[in-house]
Amino acid sequence: MTTATTAQSKGRKLPGWARSFGPQIIAALVAGLALGLWARSMGEPAEGQANWLAQTLTTIGASYVSLLKAAVAPLIFTAVVSSVANLRAVSNAARLAWQTLLWFAITAFASVLIGIGLGVLLQPGATDAPTSPAEYSGRTGDWWAFLTGLVPSNFLGIEAATKTADTGALTTSLSFNVLQILVIAVAVGIAALKLGKPAEPFLALNASALAVIQKVLWWIIRIAPVGTVGLIGKAVATYGWETIGSLGMFTVSVYAGLLLVLFVVYPVLAKAHGLAVRQWFSGAWPAIQLAFVSRSSMGTLPLTQRVTERNLGVPRAYASFAVPLGSTTKMDGCASIYPAVAAIFVAQFFGVPLDVVDYLLIVIVSVLGSAATAGTTGATVMLTLTLSTLGLPLEGVGLLLAIDPILDMGRTAVNVAGQTLVPTIVAKRQGILDLPLYNARRSADPFADDSADTAAAAPAAGVPEPARA
């Protein structure tokens, strides 16, 4: 009877392509596109509110992103504390940190040069664009804000904001400052290392909490296709194709730069370090896909770290340090390509000539400025910081807000791609990359199941344990 039941179960088993994350995301993209076009064709109801389908898609997408972001704060804290504690097993921790920051800067430098080149070549600001820029009331990035933002206002890194709603009622919202959480976690991790044996129960508890959080996040990631339908559908229903067309050349310029970095610069760097390009793409692609639809590097963080360790063979002790750091400061899409093209667009649109010094300032701000915007609304703040540095009209920020969600999808995908590549390159250069795992044949499902996973990261059956320094 058991044999018959097993046979029936196997007979109902879905084919490999249907169970794979990639095809599921692609199917969700198609479904979201179709539903978004349907919602847009329905028009607006008499009250001026979005129709029921558009509201449903918006709710699904927003709820999924909220699920991802809700786990970011505990994930970063527990992961960074564990990573600091695990660095005692890494003999060259300081060198790894330095190499990571260096390669962050190198890839940012290459990205901003591509952005400047495309801006000068394609002249995106010479197109017909909206003449009434949207008002921008966001934060302006600056170095003093970065320095003061490093100092935690409380132990949990919580920021409270109070505003008056349209009804006149006061509403209070809480948000987490990612940069402050990193500082707190690093301090706690170092303190635990200094204490030694008395801190072992705390580190064990932290490791257990990290394992639980990762399991919950894994469940959230598994339902990404559902969130994709809502996110893509909402974007199409809200913006359609008209918004892209109004700033067409600018959109083309940004996406051309993103594609060049993703499919030329990154593969060249991987190949130069003796890494198979196809293996890197296939290993990192699940995180890149999720980043594209979620538009959140921090929301994609658990999957980014997972594929970096499980697919690309980067030791967990190092990946748990480099990937969270990259999620806040490694933004080739938001902090390099986009502000470079956008600054040139704004200058051309408002008739402001740029000289060699201005282009040099764009490079400096793009390579170093991501640190000044860590934990804030990356791309918009980076653009504001760049325009302020060059003395360009800040009205240009509002001008580009209309198509920002469309651009943000590609920017975030490139951000996450770089966040997987740099730790892989550094691990290869330092001789700690698990090459057999990196070069392993990918299965239909690109993830190893971690049903028995712990912070110690026991390897999946048939997968060798990543090398440890």
Protein backbone atom coordinates (compact mmCIF):
# COMPACT_ATOMS: atom_id res chain seq x y z
CA MET A 1 0.00 0.00 0.00
CA THR A 2 2.85 2.31 0.84
CA THR A 3 4.49 1.48 -2.50
CA ALA A 4 1.30 2.31 -4.39
CA THR A 5 0.90 5.57 -2.53
CA THR A 6 4.51 6.50 -3.31
CA ALA A 7 4.01 5.70 -6.97
CA GLN A 8 0.88 7.84 -7.13
CA SER A 9 2.74 10.67 -5.42
CA LYS A 10 5.54 10.45 -7.95
CA GLY A 11 3.01 10.43 -10.75
CA ARG A 12 1.56 13.73 -9.56
CA LYS A 13 4.97 15.34 -9.16
CA LEU A 14 5.42 18.50 -11.23
CA PRO A 15 8.17 18.54 -13.90
CA GLY A 16 11.48 20.13 -13.00
CA TRP A 17 10.92 23.31 -15.02
CA ALA A 18 7.63 23.96 -13.23
CA ARG A 19 9.24 23.59 -9.80
CA SER A 20 12.20 25.81 -10.68
CA PHE A 21 12.31 29.35 -9.33
CA GLY A 22 13.30 30.91 -12.68
CA PRO A 23 10.34 29.67 -14.75
CA GLN A 24 8.00 30.52 -11.89
CA ILE A 25 9.25 34.12 -11.87
CA ILE A 26 8.99 34.36 -15.66
CA ALA A 27 5.43 33.02 -15.55
CA ALA A 28 4.64 35.55 -12.81
CA LEU A 29 6.08 38.37 -14.94
CA VAL A 30 3.84 37.41 -17.85
CA ALA A 31 0.80 37.10 -15.58
CA GLY A 32 1.55 40.43 -13.92
CA LEU A 33 1.94 42.13 -17.30
CA ALA A 34 -1.36 40.74 -18.53
CA LEU A 35 -3.23 41.66 -15.35
CA GLY A 36 -1.64 45.12 -15.32
CA LEU A 37 -2.76 45.82 -18.89
CA TRP A 38 -6.24 44.55 -18.02
CA ALA A 39 -6.39 46.80 -14.95
CA ARG A 40 -5.23 49.78 -16.99
CA SER A 41 -7.87 49.12 -19.66
CA MET A 42 -10.58 49.17 -16.98
CA GLY A 43 -9.93 52.85 -16.32
CA GLU A 44 -10.66 54.70 -13.09
CA PRO A 45 -13.97 54.47 -11.20
CA ALA A 46 -16.11 57.57 -10.70
CA GLU A 47 -14.69 58.31 -7.26
CA GLY A 48 -11.21 58.79 -8.70
CA GLN A 49 -9.78 55.79 -6.86
CA ALA A 50 -7.93 52.91 -8.52
CA ASN A 51 -10.18 50.13 -9.83
CA TRP A 52 -10.54 46.91 -7.87
CA LEU A 53 -7.99 44.99 -9.94
CA ALA A 54 -5.34 47.71 -9.67
CA GLN A 55 -5.97 47.93 -5.92
CA THR A 56 -5.64 44.16 -5.59
CA LEU A 57 -2.35 44.10 -7.49
CA THR A 58 -1.03 47.04 -5.44
CA THR A 59 -1.97 45.31 -2.18
CA ILE A 60 -0.33 42.02 -3.20
CA GLY A 61 2.89 43.71 -4.30
CA ALA A 62 3.10 46.05 -1.31
CA SER A 63 2.38 43.21 1.12
CA TYR A 64 5.15 41.07 -0.32
CA VAL A 65 7.71 43.86 -0.12
CA SER A 66 6.60 44.55 3.45
CA LEU A 67 7.18 40.89 4.30
CA LEU A 68 10.70 41.09 2.92
CA LYS A 69 11.52 44.34 4.69
CA ALA A 70 10.03 43.24 8.02
CA ALA A 71 12.76 40.65 8.46
CA VAL A 72 15.64 42.87 7.33
CA ALA A 73 16.46 44.41 10.73
CA PRO A 74 16.70 41.13 12.73
CA LEU A 75 18.47 39.46 9.82
CA ILE A 76 21.16 42.14 9.60
CA PHE A 77 21.73 42.23 13.34
CA THR A 78 22.01 38.46 13.83
CA ALA A 79 23.94 37.91 10.59
CA VAL A 80 26.51 40.64 11.30
CA VAL A 81 27.02 39.55 14.92
CA SER A 82 27.56 35.99 13.69
CA SER A 83 29.86 37.15 10.91
CA VAL A 84 32.01 39.16 13.33
CA ALA A 85 32.19 36.15 15.64
CA ASN A 86 33.04 33.88 12.70
CA LEU A 87 35.88 36.14 11.60
CA ARG A 88 37.99 34.63 14.38
CA ALA A 89 38.19 31.58 12.12
CA VAL A 90 39.45 33.70 9.23
CA SER A 91 43.16 34.37 9.44
CA ASN A 92 43.18 37.40 7.10
CA ALA A 93 39.97 39.20 8.15
CA ALA A 94 41.42 42.72 7.83
CA ARG A 95 42.74 41.97 4.33
CA LEU A 96 39.36 40.59 3.27
CA ALA A 97 37.60 43.75 4.46
CA TRP A 98 40.08 45.99 2.63
CA GLN A 99 39.85 43.95 -0.59
CA THR A 100 36.06 44.07 -0.45
CA LEU A 101 35.97 47.87 -0.18
CA LEU A 102 38.61 48.19 -2.93
CA TRP A 103 36.62 46.10 -5.39
CA PHE A 104 33.44 47.95 -4.48
CA ALA A 105 35.23 51.14 -5.58
CA ILE A 106 36.71 49.56 -8.75
CA THR A 107 33.36 48.37 -10.06
CA ALA A 108 31.72 51.68 -9.11
CA PHE A 109 34.44 53.53 -11.05
CA ALA A 110 33.86 51.41 -14.17
CA SER A 111 30.10 51.88 -13.86
CA VAL A 112 30.19 55.66 -13.56
CA LEU A 113 32.52 55.93 -16.58
CA ILE A 114 29.97 53.97 -18.61
CA GLY A 115 27.20 56.26 -17.36
CA ILE A 116 29.13 59.40 -18.34
CA GLY A 117 30.00 57.94 -21.74
CA LEU A 118 26.39 57.10 -22.54
CA GLY A 119 25.17 60.47 -21.30
CA VAL A 120 27.59 62.32 -23.57
CA LEU A 121 27.03 60.01 -26.54
CA LEU A 122 23.23 59.64 -26.48
CA GLN A 123 22.36 63.18 -25.29
CA PRO A 124 19.25 62.09 -23.32
CA GLY A 125 18.43 65.66 -22.23
CA ALA A 126 17.89 66.74 -25.83
CA THR A 127 14.51 64.93 -25.99
CA ASP A 128 10.99 66.21 -25.41
CA ALA A 129 10.31 65.77 -21.69
CA PRO A 130 7.56 66.90 -19.31
CA THR A 131 7.72 70.65 -18.68
CA SER A 132 6.21 70.52 -15.20
CA PRO A 133 8.55 68.58 -12.93
CA ALA A 134 7.06 66.72 -10.00
CA GLU A 135 7.86 68.17 -6.62
CA TYR A 136 10.61 66.38 -4.68
CA SER A 137 10.52 66.67 -0.91
CA GLY A 138 12.85 63.81 0.01
CA ARG A 139 16.10 63.83 1.92
CA THR A 140 19.26 65.36 0.50
CA GLY A 141 22.40 63.27 0.84
CA ASP A 142 25.44 64.91 2.40
CA TRP A 143 28.58 63.80 4.21
CA TRP A 144 27.56 65.32 7.54
CA ALA A 145 24.31 63.36 7.45
CA PHE A 146 26.36 60.23 6.84
CA LEU A 147 28.69 60.90 9.78
CA THR A 148 25.90 61.79 12.19
CA GLY A 149 23.87 58.84 10.91
CA LEU A 150 26.60 56.48 12.09
CA VAL A 151 25.78 57.34 15.71
CA PRO A 152 22.81 55.22 16.88
CA SER A 153 20.00 57.18 18.48
CA ASN A 154 18.96 54.03 20.37
CA PHE A 155 20.08 50.42 20.73
CA LEU A 156 17.71 49.08 18.06
CA GLY A 157 18.43 51.76 15.44
CA ILE A 158 14.73 52.70 15.34
CA GLU A 159 13.64 56.02 13.86
CA ALA A 160 10.16 57.41 14.56
CA ALA A 161 8.40 59.83 12.24
CA THR A 162 5.22 61.73 13.10
CA LYS A 163 3.10 63.45 10.48
CA THR A 164 -0.36 64.90 10.13
CA ALA A 165 -2.70 62.90 7.92
CA ASP A 166 -5.20 64.48 5.53
CA THR A 167 -7.90 63.96 8.15
CA GLY A 168 -5.95 66.04 10.65
CA ALA A 169 -4.97 63.06 12.82
CA LEU A 170 -1.40 62.52 13.87
CA THR A 171 0.19 59.27 12.70
CA THR A 172 3.48 57.82 13.90
CA SER A 173 5.54 55.38 11.86
CA LEU A 174 8.64 53.44 12.86
CA SER A 175 11.53 52.61 10.56
CA PHE A 176 14.93 51.02 11.01
CA ASN A 177 18.16 52.81 10.13
CA VAL A 178 20.16 50.07 8.42
CA LEU A 179 23.46 51.87 8.85
CA GLN A 180 22.94 52.22 12.60
CA ILE A 181 21.95 48.57 12.90
CA LEU A 182 25.23 47.65 11.21
CA VAL A 183 27.20 49.80 13.65
CA ILE A 184 25.36 48.30 16.64
CA ALA A 185 25.82 44.74 15.38
CA VAL A 186 29.53 45.21 14.73
CA ALA A 187 30.02 46.68 18.21
CA VAL A 188 28.11 43.83 19.84
CA GLY A 189 30.02 41.24 17.82
CA ILE A 190 33.40 42.71 18.74
CA ALA A 191 32.39 42.93 22.40
CA ALA A 192 31.38 39.25 22.34
CA LEU A 193 34.74 38.32 20.85
CA LYS A 194 36.59 40.28 23.52
CA LEU A 195 34.62 38.60 26.31
CA GLY A 196 35.44 35.14 25.03
CA LYS A 197 33.94 32.21 26.94
CA PRO A 198 31.34 34.23 28.95
CA ALA A 199 29.81 35.38 25.63
CA GLU A 200 29.44 31.88 24.17
CA PRO A 201 25.80 31.42 25.35
CA PHE A 202 24.91 34.76 23.73
CA LEU A 203 26.60 33.80 20.45
CA ALA A 204 24.83 30.42 20.49
CA LEU A 205 21.47 32.15 21.02
CA ASN A 206 22.26 34.61 18.23
CA ALA A 207 23.18 31.73 15.91
CA SER A 208 19.90 29.97 16.69
CA ALA A 209 17.93 33.18 16.08
CA LEU A 210 19.72 33.64 12.75
CA ALA A 211 18.80 30.12 11.68
CA VAL A 212 15.13 30.73 12.55
CA ILE A 213 15.05 34.08 10.73
CA GLN A 214 16.68 32.54 7.65
CA LYS A 215 14.08 29.78 7.58
CA VAL A 216 11.21 32.29 7.76
CA LEU A 217 12.84 34.39 5.04
CA TRP A 218 13.23 31.31 2.90
CA TRP A 219 9.47 30.73 3.12
CA ILE A 220 8.91 34.35 2.07
CA ILE A 221 11.29 34.00 -0.86
CA ARG A 222 9.52 30.83 -2.01
CA ILE A 223 6.32 32.83 -2.58
CA ALA A 224 8.15 35.47 -4.64
CA PRO A 225 6.18 34.60 -7.81
CA VAL A 226 2.99 35.72 -6.03
CA GLY A 227 4.60 39.02 -5.09
CA THR A 228 5.95 39.38 -8.64
CA VAL A 229 2.44 39.26 -10.11
CA GLY A 230 1.36 42.12 -7.84
CA LEU A 231 4.49 44.24 -8.30
CA ILE A 232 4.64 44.00 -12.09
CA GLY A 233 0.88 44.31 -12.45
CA LYS A 234 0.81 47.43 -10.30
CA ALA A 235 3.68 49.03 -12.25
CA VAL A 236 1.97 48.43 -15.62
CA ALA A 237 -1.46 49.51 -14.35
CA THR A 238 -0.05 52.72 -12.86
CA TYR A 239 2.52 53.84 -15.41
CA GLY A 240 1.75 52.01 -18.66
CA TRP A 241 3.96 52.69 -21.64
CA GLU A 242 3.21 56.43 -21.96
CA THR A 243 5.46 57.41 -19.05
CA ILE A 244 8.41 55.55 -20.52
CA GLY A 245 7.89 57.19 -23.89
CA SER A 246 7.91 60.74 -22.50
CA LEU A 247 11.49 60.28 -21.32
CA GLY A 248 12.39 57.56 -23.78
CA MET A 249 16.01 58.42 -24.53
CA PHE A 250 16.83 58.85 -20.86
CA THR A 251 15.29 55.45 -20.09
CA VAL A 252 17.23 53.87 -22.96
CA SER A 253 20.48 55.47 -21.76
CA VAL A 254 20.08 54.22 -18.20
CA TYR A 255 19.14 50.69 -19.21
CA ALA A 256 21.95 50.58 -21.79
CA GLY A 257 24.40 51.39 -19.00
CA LEU A 258 22.88 48.82 -16.69
CA LEU A 259 23.05 46.12 -19.38
CA LEU A 260 26.67 46.97 -20.21
CA VAL A 261 27.69 46.63 -16.57
CA LEU A 262 25.68 43.45 -16.01
CA PHE A 263 26.58 41.65 -19.23
CA VAL A 264 30.01 43.11 -20.08
CA VAL A 265 31.85 44.60 -17.09
CA TYR A 266 30.92 41.94 -14.55
CA PRO A 267 31.58 38.99 -16.89
CA VAL A 268 34.96 40.48 -17.87
CA LEU A 269 35.94 40.80 -14.21
CA ALA A 270 34.80 37.24 -13.51
CA LYS A 271 36.68 35.88 -16.51
CA ALA A 272 39.81 37.85 -15.57
CA HIS A 273 39.84 36.00 -12.25
CA GLY A 274 39.46 32.57 -13.83
CA LEU A 275 35.77 32.24 -12.99
CA ALA A 276 33.30 30.71 -15.41
CA VAL A 277 30.89 33.49 -16.41
CA ARG A 278 27.97 31.14 -17.00
CA GLN A 279 28.39 29.65 -13.52
CA TRP A 280 28.31 33.09 -11.93
CA PHE A 281 25.17 34.08 -13.84
CA SER A 282 23.35 30.84 -13.10
CA GLY A 283 24.35 31.02 -9.44
CA ALA A 284 23.47 34.67 -8.89
CA TRP A 285 20.42 34.82 -11.20
CA PRO A 286 17.76 33.94 -8.58
CA ALA A 287 18.78 36.97 -6.48
CA ILE A 288 19.04 39.20 -9.57
CA GLN A 289 15.50 38.21 -10.62
CA LEU A 290 14.05 38.88 -7.19
CA ALA A 291 15.86 42.23 -7.01
CA PHE A 292 14.38 43.25 -10.37
CA VAL A 293 10.78 42.66 -9.32
CA SER A 294 11.07 43.73 -5.66
CA ARG A 295 13.20 46.85 -6.26
CA SER A 296 14.84 46.34 -2.87
CA SER A 297 18.48 45.38 -2.29
CA MET A 298 17.76 45.02 1.42
CA GLY A 299 14.65 42.95 0.80
CA THR A 300 16.67 40.67 -1.47
CA LEU A 301 19.53 40.44 1.07
CA PRO A 302 18.68 36.97 2.45
CA LEU A 303 18.52 35.45 -1.03
CA THR A 304 21.65 37.36 -2.14
CA GLN A 305 23.61 35.96 0.78
CA ARG A 306 22.17 32.51 0.21
CA VAL A 307 23.20 32.23 -3.45
CA THR A 308 26.60 33.77 -2.69
CA GLU A 309 27.28 31.00 -0.18
CA ARG A 310 25.38 28.03 -1.60
CA ASN A 311 25.77 28.60 -5.34
CA LEU A 312 28.98 30.60 -5.68
CA GLY A 313 31.01 28.92 -2.92
CA VAL A 314 31.92 31.98 -0.85
CA PRO A 315 32.62 30.94 2.79
CA ARG A 316 29.80 31.92 5.12
CA ALA A 317 32.16 33.62 7.58
CA TYR A 318 33.13 36.07 4.83
CA ALA A 319 29.83 36.24 2.91
CA SER A 320 27.90 37.17 6.04
CA PHE A 321 30.17 40.22 6.32
CA ALA A 322 30.50 41.25 2.66
CA VAL A 323 26.92 40.81 1.44
CA PRO A 324 25.18 42.89 4.17
CA LEU A 325 27.86 45.55 3.74
CA GLY A 326 27.30 45.52 -0.02
CA SER A 327 23.53 45.80 0.40
CA THR A 328 23.98 49.23 1.96
CA THR A 329 27.03 50.61 0.15
CA LYS A 330 27.49 48.61 -3.09
CA MET A 331 25.10 50.25 -5.57
CA ASP A 332 26.55 50.36 -9.08
CA GLY A 333 23.06 50.88 -10.52
CA CYS A 334 21.71 53.47 -8.07
CA ALA A 335 24.91 55.26 -7.08
CA SER A 336 27.03 55.13 -10.27
CA ILE A 337 25.24 54.62 -13.57
CA TYR A 338 21.99 56.39 -12.74
CA PRO A 339 23.31 59.62 -11.15
CA ALA A 340 25.89 59.99 -13.94
CA VAL A 341 23.34 59.71 -16.77
CA ALA A 342 20.73 61.70 -14.81
CA ALA A 343 23.12 64.58 -14.00
CA ILE A 344 24.06 64.89 -17.68
CA PHE A 345 20.37 64.72 -18.62
CA VAL A 346 19.47 67.52 -16.19
CA ALA A 347 22.37 69.67 -17.42
CA GLN A 348 21.30 69.22 -21.05
CA PHE A 349 17.61 69.71 -20.27
CA PHE A 350 18.23 73.02 -18.46
CA GLY A 351 20.97 74.14 -20.86
CA VAL A 352 23.84 74.04 -18.34
CA PRO A 353 27.21 73.21 -19.94
CA LEU A 354 29.50 70.71 -18.19
CA ASP A 355 33.29 70.73 -18.36
CA VAL A 356 36.00 68.20 -17.46
CA VAL A 357 35.96 69.24 -13.79
CA ASP A 358 32.22 68.57 -13.61
CA TYR A 359 32.68 65.08 -15.03
CA LEU A 360 35.48 64.46 -12.54
CA LEU A 361 33.15 65.51 -9.71
CA ILE A 362 30.52 63.05 -10.96
CA VAL A 363 33.13 60.28 -10.75
CA ILE A 364 34.21 61.24 -7.24
CA VAL A 365 30.66 61.54 -5.92
CA SER A 366 29.60 58.25 -7.52
CA VAL A 367 32.58 56.25 -6.22
CA LEU A 368 32.53 57.68 -2.71
CA GLY A 369 29.01 59.02 -2.36
CA SER A 370 27.18 55.74 -1.79
CA ALA A 371 28.51 55.81 1.76
CA ALA A 372 26.79 59.15 2.27
CA THR A 373 23.46 57.69 1.24
CA ALA A 374 23.64 54.33 3.01
CA GLY A 375 20.37 53.55 4.73
CA THR A 376 18.42 56.19 2.77
CA THR A 377 16.52 56.22 -0.53
CA GLY A 378 19.67 55.43 -2.51
CA ALA A 379 19.12 56.52 -6.13
CA THR A 380 17.10 59.69 -5.48
CA VAL A 381 19.40 60.83 -2.69
CA MET A 382 22.47 60.04 -4.81
CA LEU A 383 21.02 62.11 -7.65
CA THR A 384 20.32 64.98 -5.25
CA LEU A 385 23.85 64.78 -3.87
CA THR A 386 25.32 64.74 -7.41
CA LEU A 387 23.22 67.69 -8.62
CA SER A 388 24.06 69.67 -5.48
CA THR A 389 27.78 69.02 -5.96
CA LEU A 390 27.63 70.20 -9.58
CA GLY A 391 25.35 73.15 -8.80
CA LEU A 392 22.64 71.85 -11.15
CA PRO A 393 18.90 72.62 -10.66
CA LEU A 394 17.35 70.30 -8.09
CA GLU A 395 14.10 70.56 -10.06
CA GLY A 396 15.65 67.82 -12.17
CA VAL A 397 15.00 65.34 -9.36
CA GLY A 398 11.27 65.89 -9.56
CA LEU A 399 11.45 65.76 -13.34
CA LEU A 400 12.66 62.16 -13.24
CA LEU A 401 10.44 60.89 -10.43
CA ALA A 402 7.68 59.86 -12.83
CA ILE A 403 9.73 57.04 -14.36
CA ASP A 404 11.80 56.21 -11.28
CA PRO A 405 9.93 52.96 -10.47
CA ILE A 406 10.61 51.68 -13.99
CA LEU A 407 14.31 52.52 -13.77
CA ASP A 408 14.60 51.25 -10.21
CA MET A 409 13.91 47.68 -11.31
CA GLY A 410 17.02 47.54 -13.48
CA ARG A 411 19.14 49.54 -11.05
CA THR A 412 18.38 47.18 -8.17
CA ALA A 413 19.13 44.10 -10.28
CA VAL A 414 22.59 45.48 -11.11
CA ASN A 415 23.16 46.44 -7.47
CA VAL A 416 22.50 42.88 -6.32
CA ALA A 417 24.55 41.36 -9.14
CA GLY A 418 27.55 43.37 -7.97
CA GLN A 419 26.90 42.37 -4.37
CA THR A 420 27.32 38.71 -5.36
CA LEU A 421 30.27 39.22 -7.71
CA VAL A 422 32.64 41.21 -5.49
CA PRO A 423 32.67 38.70 -2.57
CA THR A 424 33.21 35.92 -5.12
CA ILE A 425 36.16 37.73 -6.70
CA VAL A 426 37.72 38.57 -3.34
CA ALA A 427 37.27 34.99 -2.10
CA LYS A 428 38.93 33.71 -5.29
CA ARG A 429 41.84 36.13 -4.94
CA GLN A 430 42.36 35.10 -1.32
CA GLY A 431 42.19 31.38 -2.11
CA ILE A 432 39.12 30.66 0.05
CA LEU A 433 36.53 30.17 -2.71
CA ASP A 434 35.05 26.69 -2.91
CA LEU A 435 35.70 26.12 -6.63
CA PRO A 436 34.03 22.66 -6.79
CA LEU A 437 30.84 24.21 -5.42
CA TYR A 438 31.16 27.22 -7.74
CA ASN A 439 31.58 24.97 -10.78
CA ALA A 440 28.97 22.41 -9.68
CA ARG A 441 26.19 21.58 -12.11
CA ARG A 442 23.05 23.58 -11.33
CA SER A 443 19.90 21.60 -10.65
CA ALA A 444 16.40 22.55 -11.75
CA ASP A 445 15.99 24.24 -8.38
CA PRO A 446 19.08 26.44 -7.95
CA PHE A 447 18.93 26.33 -4.14
CA ALA A 448 20.05 23.66 -1.74
CA ASP A 449 17.34 22.79 0.77
CA ASP A 450 18.29 23.86 4.27
CA SER A 451 15.59 22.13 6.28
CA ALA A 452 18.23 21.09 8.79
CA ASP A 453 20.29 24.22 8.39
CA THR A 454 21.87 25.97 11.35
CA ALA A 455 24.18 28.90 11.74
CA ALA A 456 27.02 26.43 11.37
CA ALA A 457 25.80 25.90 7.80
CA ALA A 458 25.89 22.16 7.40
CA PRO A 459 26.23 21.48 3.64
CA ALA A 460 23.45 19.93 1.62
CA ALA A 461 23.79 16.28 0.68
CA GLY A 462 26.22 15.85 -2.16
CA VAL A 463 27.54 19.42 -1.88
CA PRO A 464 31.05 19.86 -0.44
CA GLU A 465 31.52 22.14 2.56
CA PRO A 466 32.80 25.56 1.44
CA ALA A 467 36.45 26.06 2.14
CA ARG A 468 37.29 27.92 5.33
CA ALA A 469 40.41 29.93 5.82
